[in-house]
């Protein structure tokens, strides 16, 4: 489920509408995305999580193949420069729902101080 693609964003909107209906029927409040104390960034994404889970539930009810993973972009932090479209904490997250898709993993080692990239960083 690639949340950088319009077709999946439509699924997400449908999931939201279904979640609104379900919470109203049950007399429950709709989950809310929130910032943590001392930050303007909305990092506690209870609503977004519930919407994505609702999409998975809808697919299961319709006997449609489940998504193995979900990928989304998050715009966070301060603009890098005046008028920027990039913020200093933008990132993409991937959630692997089907562990059979994981063929391996690696641990990133610290880069030695004399590595070429480290030298470029020091010169800036």
N, C-alpha and C. Protein backbone atom coordinates (compact mmCIF):
# COMPACT_ATOMS: atom_id res chain seq x y z
N UNK A 1 0.87 -1.17 0.00
CA UNK A 1 0.00 0.00 0.00
C UNK A 1 0.91 1.22 0.00
N UNK A 2 1.09 1.80 -1.16
CA UNK A 2 2.01 2.92 -1.34
C UNK A 2 1.25 4.23 -1.19
N UNK A 3 1.40 4.89 -0.08
CA UNK A 3 0.65 6.11 0.20
C UNK A 3 1.25 7.33 -0.49
N UNK A 4 2.14 7.09 -1.46
CA UNK A 4 2.64 8.13 -2.34
C UNK A 4 1.98 8.02 -3.71
N UNK A 5 1.01 7.13 -3.84
CA UNK A 5 0.33 6.85 -5.10
C UNK A 5 -1.15 7.17 -4.95
N UNK A 6 -1.71 7.89 -5.92
CA UNK A 6 -3.10 8.38 -5.83
C UNK A 6 -4.11 7.26 -5.64
N UNK A 7 -3.91 6.10 -6.27
CA UNK A 7 -4.91 5.04 -6.13
C UNK A 7 -5.01 4.54 -4.69
N UNK A 8 -3.91 4.53 -3.99
CA UNK A 8 -3.93 4.08 -2.60
C UNK A 8 -4.43 5.18 -1.67
N UNK A 9 -4.21 6.42 -2.05
CA UNK A 9 -4.76 7.52 -1.26
C UNK A 9 -6.29 7.51 -1.32
N UNK A 10 -6.85 7.11 -2.46
CA UNK A 10 -8.31 6.98 -2.55
C UNK A 10 -8.80 5.88 -1.60
N UNK A 11 -8.05 4.77 -1.53
CA UNK A 11 -8.41 3.71 -0.57
C UNK A 11 -8.39 4.24 0.86
N UNK A 12 -7.39 5.07 1.13
CA UNK A 12 -7.26 5.64 2.47
C UNK A 12 -8.46 6.54 2.79
N UNK A 13 -8.87 7.35 1.82
CA UNK A 13 -10.04 8.22 2.02
C UNK A 13 -11.29 7.36 2.29
N UNK A 14 -11.45 6.27 1.52
CA UNK A 14 -12.58 5.36 1.73
C UNK A 14 -12.51 4.74 3.13
N UNK A 15 -11.30 4.39 3.55
CA UNK A 15 -11.12 3.82 4.89
C UNK A 15 -11.51 4.82 5.96
N UNK A 16 -11.18 6.08 5.75
CA UNK A 16 -11.54 7.12 6.71
C UNK A 16 -13.06 7.23 6.81
N UNK A 17 -13.72 7.26 5.65
CA UNK A 17 -15.19 7.38 5.66
C UNK A 17 -15.83 6.20 6.38
N UNK A 18 -15.28 5.01 6.16
CA UNK A 18 -15.81 3.82 6.85
C UNK A 18 -15.56 3.91 8.35
N UNK A 19 -14.39 4.37 8.74
CA UNK A 19 -14.06 4.51 10.16
C UNK A 19 -15.01 5.51 10.82
N UNK A 20 -15.30 6.61 10.16
CA UNK A 20 -16.24 7.60 10.71
C UNK A 20 -17.59 6.95 10.94
N UNK A 21 -18.07 6.18 9.96
CA UNK A 21 -19.36 5.49 10.11
C UNK A 21 -19.34 4.51 11.29
N UNK A 22 -18.28 3.72 11.37
CA UNK A 22 -18.18 2.72 12.43
C UNK A 22 -18.14 3.35 13.81
N UNK A 23 -17.38 4.43 13.96
CA UNK A 23 -17.28 5.06 15.28
C UNK A 23 -18.60 5.72 15.67
N UNK A 24 -19.30 6.31 14.68
CA UNK A 24 -20.61 6.91 14.97
C UNK A 24 -21.60 5.85 15.41
N UNK A 25 -21.64 4.72 14.67
CA UNK A 25 -22.56 3.63 15.02
C UNK A 25 -22.29 3.10 16.42
N UNK A 26 -21.02 3.03 16.78
CA UNK A 26 -20.64 2.48 18.08
C UNK A 26 -20.69 3.53 19.19
N UNK A 27 -20.92 4.79 18.82
CA UNK A 27 -20.96 5.85 19.81
C UNK A 27 -19.59 6.14 20.41
N UNK A 28 -18.55 5.90 19.62
CA UNK A 28 -17.18 6.12 20.08
C UNK A 28 -16.59 7.36 19.42
N UNK A 29 -15.65 8.00 20.09
CA UNK A 29 -15.00 9.15 19.45
C UNK A 29 -14.02 8.67 18.36
N UNK A 30 -13.86 9.49 17.36
CA UNK A 30 -12.89 9.21 16.31
C UNK A 30 -11.49 9.42 16.88
N UNK A 31 -10.55 8.52 16.62
CA UNK A 31 -9.18 8.75 17.10
C UNK A 31 -8.64 10.07 16.54
N UNK A 32 -7.64 10.62 17.21
CA UNK A 32 -7.07 11.92 16.85
C UNK A 32 -5.56 11.81 16.72
N UNK A 33 -5.01 12.45 15.68
CA UNK A 33 -3.56 12.60 15.58
C UNK A 33 -3.15 13.76 16.48
N UNK A 34 -2.04 13.61 17.20
CA UNK A 34 -1.63 14.65 18.15
C UNK A 34 -0.13 14.88 18.11
N UNK A 35 0.25 16.08 18.50
CA UNK A 35 1.66 16.39 18.70
C UNK A 35 2.05 15.97 20.11
N UNK A 36 3.33 15.72 20.30
CA UNK A 36 3.81 15.45 21.66
C UNK A 36 4.09 16.79 22.35
N UNK A 37 4.15 16.77 23.64
CA UNK A 37 4.38 17.99 24.42
C UNK A 37 5.70 18.62 23.98
N UNK A 38 5.65 19.91 23.72
CA UNK A 38 6.85 20.65 23.35
C UNK A 38 7.19 20.59 21.87
N UNK A 39 6.29 20.06 21.04
CA UNK A 39 6.55 19.96 19.61
C UNK A 39 5.31 20.38 18.83
N UNK A 40 5.54 20.91 17.63
CA UNK A 40 4.42 21.22 16.74
C UNK A 40 4.15 20.06 15.79
N UNK A 41 5.09 19.12 15.69
CA UNK A 41 4.94 17.99 14.78
C UNK A 41 3.93 16.99 15.31
N UNK A 42 3.03 16.58 14.44
CA UNK A 42 2.01 15.59 14.79
C UNK A 42 2.64 14.20 14.62
N UNK A 43 3.10 13.64 15.71
CA UNK A 43 3.81 12.36 15.63
C UNK A 43 3.03 11.20 16.26
N UNK A 44 2.02 11.51 17.02
CA UNK A 44 1.16 10.46 17.58
C UNK A 44 -0.02 10.32 16.63
N UNK A 45 0.06 9.35 15.74
CA UNK A 45 -0.86 9.25 14.60
C UNK A 45 -1.93 8.19 14.82
N UNK A 46 -2.71 8.37 15.87
CA UNK A 46 -3.77 7.41 16.20
C UNK A 46 -4.84 7.34 15.11
N UNK A 47 -5.22 8.49 14.56
CA UNK A 47 -6.23 8.51 13.50
C UNK A 47 -5.69 7.82 12.24
N UNK A 48 -4.50 8.20 11.83
CA UNK A 48 -3.92 7.61 10.62
C UNK A 48 -3.80 6.10 10.75
N UNK A 49 -3.36 5.64 11.90
CA UNK A 49 -3.23 4.20 12.14
C UNK A 49 -4.59 3.52 12.05
N UNK A 50 -5.60 4.10 12.66
CA UNK A 50 -6.94 3.51 12.64
C UNK A 50 -7.50 3.46 11.22
N UNK A 51 -7.23 4.50 10.43
CA UNK A 51 -7.71 4.53 9.04
C UNK A 51 -7.03 3.42 8.24
N UNK A 52 -5.73 3.28 8.39
CA UNK A 52 -5.00 2.23 7.66
C UNK A 52 -5.50 0.85 8.07
N UNK A 53 -5.71 0.64 9.35
CA UNK A 53 -6.23 -0.65 9.82
C UNK A 53 -7.64 -0.90 9.28
N UNK A 54 -8.43 0.16 9.15
CA UNK A 54 -9.77 0.01 8.58
C UNK A 54 -9.68 -0.42 7.12
N UNK A 55 -8.73 0.13 6.37
CA UNK A 55 -8.52 -0.29 4.97
C UNK A 55 -8.21 -1.78 4.93
N UNK A 56 -7.34 -2.24 5.82
CA UNK A 56 -7.01 -3.67 5.86
C UNK A 56 -8.24 -4.51 6.20
N UNK A 57 -9.06 -4.02 7.12
CA UNK A 57 -10.28 -4.73 7.51
C UNK A 57 -11.25 -4.82 6.32
N UNK A 58 -11.41 -3.72 5.60
CA UNK A 58 -12.29 -3.71 4.43
C UNK A 58 -11.82 -4.75 3.40
N UNK A 59 -10.51 -4.78 3.15
CA UNK A 59 -9.97 -5.73 2.17
C UNK A 59 -10.21 -7.17 2.63
N UNK A 60 -10.05 -7.41 3.92
CA UNK A 60 -10.28 -8.75 4.45
C UNK A 60 -11.75 -9.14 4.28
N UNK A 61 -12.66 -8.23 4.58
CA UNK A 61 -14.09 -8.50 4.43
C UNK A 61 -14.46 -8.79 2.98
N UNK A 62 -13.76 -8.13 2.04
CA UNK A 62 -14.04 -8.30 0.62
C UNK A 62 -13.26 -9.47 0.01
N UNK A 63 -12.52 -10.18 0.86
CA UNK A 63 -11.69 -11.32 0.42
C UNK A 63 -10.69 -10.90 -0.66
N UNK A 64 -10.13 -9.71 -0.46
CA UNK A 64 -9.09 -9.18 -1.34
C UNK A 64 -7.75 -9.41 -0.67
N UNK A 65 -6.74 -9.72 -1.46
CA UNK A 65 -5.41 -10.00 -0.91
C UNK A 65 -4.94 -8.85 -0.01
N UNK A 66 -4.39 -9.22 1.11
CA UNK A 66 -3.89 -8.24 2.08
C UNK A 66 -2.63 -7.56 1.55
N UNK A 67 -2.41 -6.35 1.98
CA UNK A 67 -1.17 -5.65 1.66
C UNK A 67 -0.05 -6.24 2.52
N UNK A 68 1.08 -6.51 1.91
CA UNK A 68 2.24 -7.01 2.65
C UNK A 68 2.95 -5.90 3.41
N UNK A 69 2.85 -4.68 2.89
CA UNK A 69 3.53 -3.55 3.53
C UNK A 69 2.78 -2.26 3.23
N UNK A 70 3.11 -1.25 4.01
CA UNK A 70 2.54 0.09 3.83
C UNK A 70 3.71 1.07 3.85
N UNK A 71 3.68 2.01 2.89
CA UNK A 71 4.74 3.03 2.83
C UNK A 71 4.08 4.40 2.81
N UNK A 72 4.55 5.30 3.66
CA UNK A 72 4.01 6.65 3.71
C UNK A 72 5.09 7.69 3.94
N UNK A 73 4.79 8.91 3.55
CA UNK A 73 5.72 10.02 3.74
C UNK A 73 5.20 10.91 4.87
N UNK A 74 6.12 11.44 5.64
CA UNK A 74 5.76 12.30 6.76
C UNK A 74 6.58 13.58 6.68
N UNK A 75 5.88 14.70 6.57
CA UNK A 75 6.52 16.02 6.51
C UNK A 75 6.54 16.57 7.92
N UNK A 76 7.73 16.70 8.47
CA UNK A 76 7.86 17.15 9.86
C UNK A 76 9.05 18.07 9.99
N UNK A 77 9.05 18.85 11.04
CA UNK A 77 10.17 19.73 11.34
C UNK A 77 9.99 21.10 10.71
N UNK A 78 11.06 21.85 10.76
CA UNK A 78 11.05 23.22 10.26
C UNK A 78 11.52 23.24 8.81
N UNK A 79 11.05 24.22 8.03
CA UNK A 79 11.56 24.36 6.66
C UNK A 79 13.08 24.53 6.67
N UNK A 80 13.74 23.94 5.66
CA UNK A 80 15.20 24.02 5.60
C UNK A 80 15.70 25.43 5.30
N UNK A 81 14.89 26.21 4.60
CA UNK A 81 15.23 27.58 4.25
C UNK A 81 13.93 28.30 3.92
N UNK A 82 13.91 29.63 3.89
CA UNK A 82 12.66 30.37 3.62
C UNK A 82 12.03 29.93 2.29
N UNK A 83 10.75 29.60 2.33
CA UNK A 83 10.03 29.17 1.14
C UNK A 83 10.29 27.74 0.72
N UNK A 84 11.00 26.98 1.54
CA UNK A 84 11.39 25.60 1.19
C UNK A 84 10.19 24.67 1.17
N UNK A 85 10.27 23.68 0.32
CA UNK A 85 9.31 22.59 0.31
C UNK A 85 9.85 21.38 1.04
N UNK A 86 11.01 21.52 1.65
CA UNK A 86 11.66 20.45 2.39
C UNK A 86 11.82 20.87 3.84
N UNK A 87 11.52 19.95 4.75
CA UNK A 87 11.69 20.23 6.17
C UNK A 87 12.82 19.38 6.71
N UNK A 88 13.34 19.77 7.86
CA UNK A 88 14.52 19.08 8.39
C UNK A 88 14.24 17.72 9.01
N UNK A 89 12.96 17.31 9.08
CA UNK A 89 12.65 15.99 9.64
C UNK A 89 11.74 15.16 8.73
N UNK A 90 11.64 15.55 7.44
CA UNK A 90 10.85 14.75 6.49
C UNK A 90 11.40 13.33 6.46
N UNK A 91 10.51 12.36 6.31
CA UNK A 91 10.99 10.99 6.21
C UNK A 91 9.91 10.09 5.62
N UNK A 92 10.34 8.94 5.17
CA UNK A 92 9.43 7.92 4.67
C UNK A 92 9.49 6.75 5.64
N UNK A 93 8.33 6.20 5.96
CA UNK A 93 8.29 5.02 6.83
C UNK A 93 7.68 3.86 6.06
N UNK A 94 8.20 2.69 6.33
CA UNK A 94 7.68 1.46 5.74
C UNK A 94 7.30 0.53 6.88
N UNK A 95 6.08 0.01 6.82
CA UNK A 95 5.62 -0.97 7.79
C UNK A 95 5.46 -2.29 7.05
N UNK A 96 6.24 -3.28 7.42
CA UNK A 96 6.12 -4.60 6.81
C UNK A 96 5.13 -5.39 7.66
N UNK A 97 3.99 -5.71 7.06
CA UNK A 97 2.93 -6.43 7.76
C UNK A 97 3.10 -7.93 7.63
N UNK A 98 3.73 -8.37 6.56
CA UNK A 98 3.94 -9.79 6.30
C UNK A 98 5.42 -10.09 6.48
N UNK A 99 5.78 -10.70 7.59
CA UNK A 99 7.19 -10.94 7.90
C UNK A 99 7.86 -11.88 6.90
N UNK A 100 7.08 -12.62 6.12
CA UNK A 100 7.68 -13.49 5.10
C UNK A 100 8.34 -12.67 3.99
N UNK A 101 8.03 -11.39 3.92
CA UNK A 101 8.64 -10.52 2.92
C UNK A 101 10.05 -10.09 3.31
N UNK A 102 10.42 -10.28 4.56
CA UNK A 102 11.75 -9.87 5.02
C UNK A 102 12.72 -11.00 4.72
N UNK A 103 13.64 -10.74 3.83
CA UNK A 103 14.62 -11.76 3.44
C UNK A 103 15.91 -11.64 4.22
N UNK A 104 16.11 -10.52 4.85
CA UNK A 104 17.31 -10.31 5.65
C UNK A 104 17.31 -8.89 6.18
N UNK A 105 18.27 -8.58 6.98
CA UNK A 105 18.41 -7.24 7.49
C UNK A 105 19.88 -7.00 7.77
N UNK A 106 20.27 -5.75 7.93
CA UNK A 106 21.64 -5.43 8.25
C UNK A 106 21.66 -4.34 9.30
N UNK A 107 22.76 -4.28 9.97
CA UNK A 107 22.97 -3.25 10.98
C UNK A 107 23.99 -2.27 10.42
N UNK A 108 23.65 -1.00 10.41
CA UNK A 108 24.55 0.02 9.89
C UNK A 108 25.66 0.25 10.91
N UNK A 109 26.88 0.13 10.44
CA UNK A 109 28.03 0.36 11.31
C UNK A 109 28.39 1.85 11.29
N UNK A 110 28.98 2.32 12.36
CA UNK A 110 29.43 3.71 12.38
C UNK A 110 30.53 3.88 11.35
N UNK A 111 30.49 5.02 10.68
CA UNK A 111 31.49 5.31 9.65
C UNK A 111 32.77 5.78 10.33
N UNK A 112 33.93 5.23 9.92
CA UNK A 112 35.19 5.69 10.53
C UNK A 112 35.42 7.17 10.24
N UNK A 113 36.12 7.86 11.14
CA UNK A 113 36.35 9.30 11.01
C UNK A 113 37.11 9.66 9.73
N UNK A 114 37.88 8.72 9.18
CA UNK A 114 38.66 9.03 7.99
C UNK A 114 37.97 8.61 6.69
N UNK A 115 36.69 8.24 6.77
CA UNK A 115 35.94 7.85 5.57
C UNK A 115 35.68 9.07 4.70
N UNK A 116 35.60 8.92 3.35
CA UNK A 116 35.41 10.07 2.45
C UNK A 116 34.21 10.93 2.80
N UNK A 117 33.08 10.36 3.14
CA UNK A 117 31.91 11.15 3.47
C UNK A 117 32.12 11.96 4.75
N UNK A 118 32.83 11.40 5.69
CA UNK A 118 33.11 12.11 6.94
C UNK A 118 33.96 13.34 6.66
N UNK A 119 34.91 13.22 5.72
CA UNK A 119 35.75 14.36 5.38
C UNK A 119 34.93 15.47 4.73
N UNK A 120 34.00 15.11 3.86
CA UNK A 120 33.15 16.12 3.22
C UNK A 120 32.31 16.84 4.25
N UNK A 121 31.81 16.11 5.21
CA UNK A 121 30.98 16.71 6.25
C UNK A 121 31.79 17.71 7.06
N UNK A 122 33.05 17.36 7.38
CA UNK A 122 33.89 18.25 8.17
C UNK A 122 34.24 19.53 7.43
N UNK A 123 34.33 19.46 6.09
CA UNK A 123 34.70 20.64 5.31
C UNK A 123 33.58 21.64 5.19
N UNK A 124 32.34 21.24 5.37
CA UNK A 124 31.20 22.14 5.18
C UNK A 124 31.03 23.08 6.32
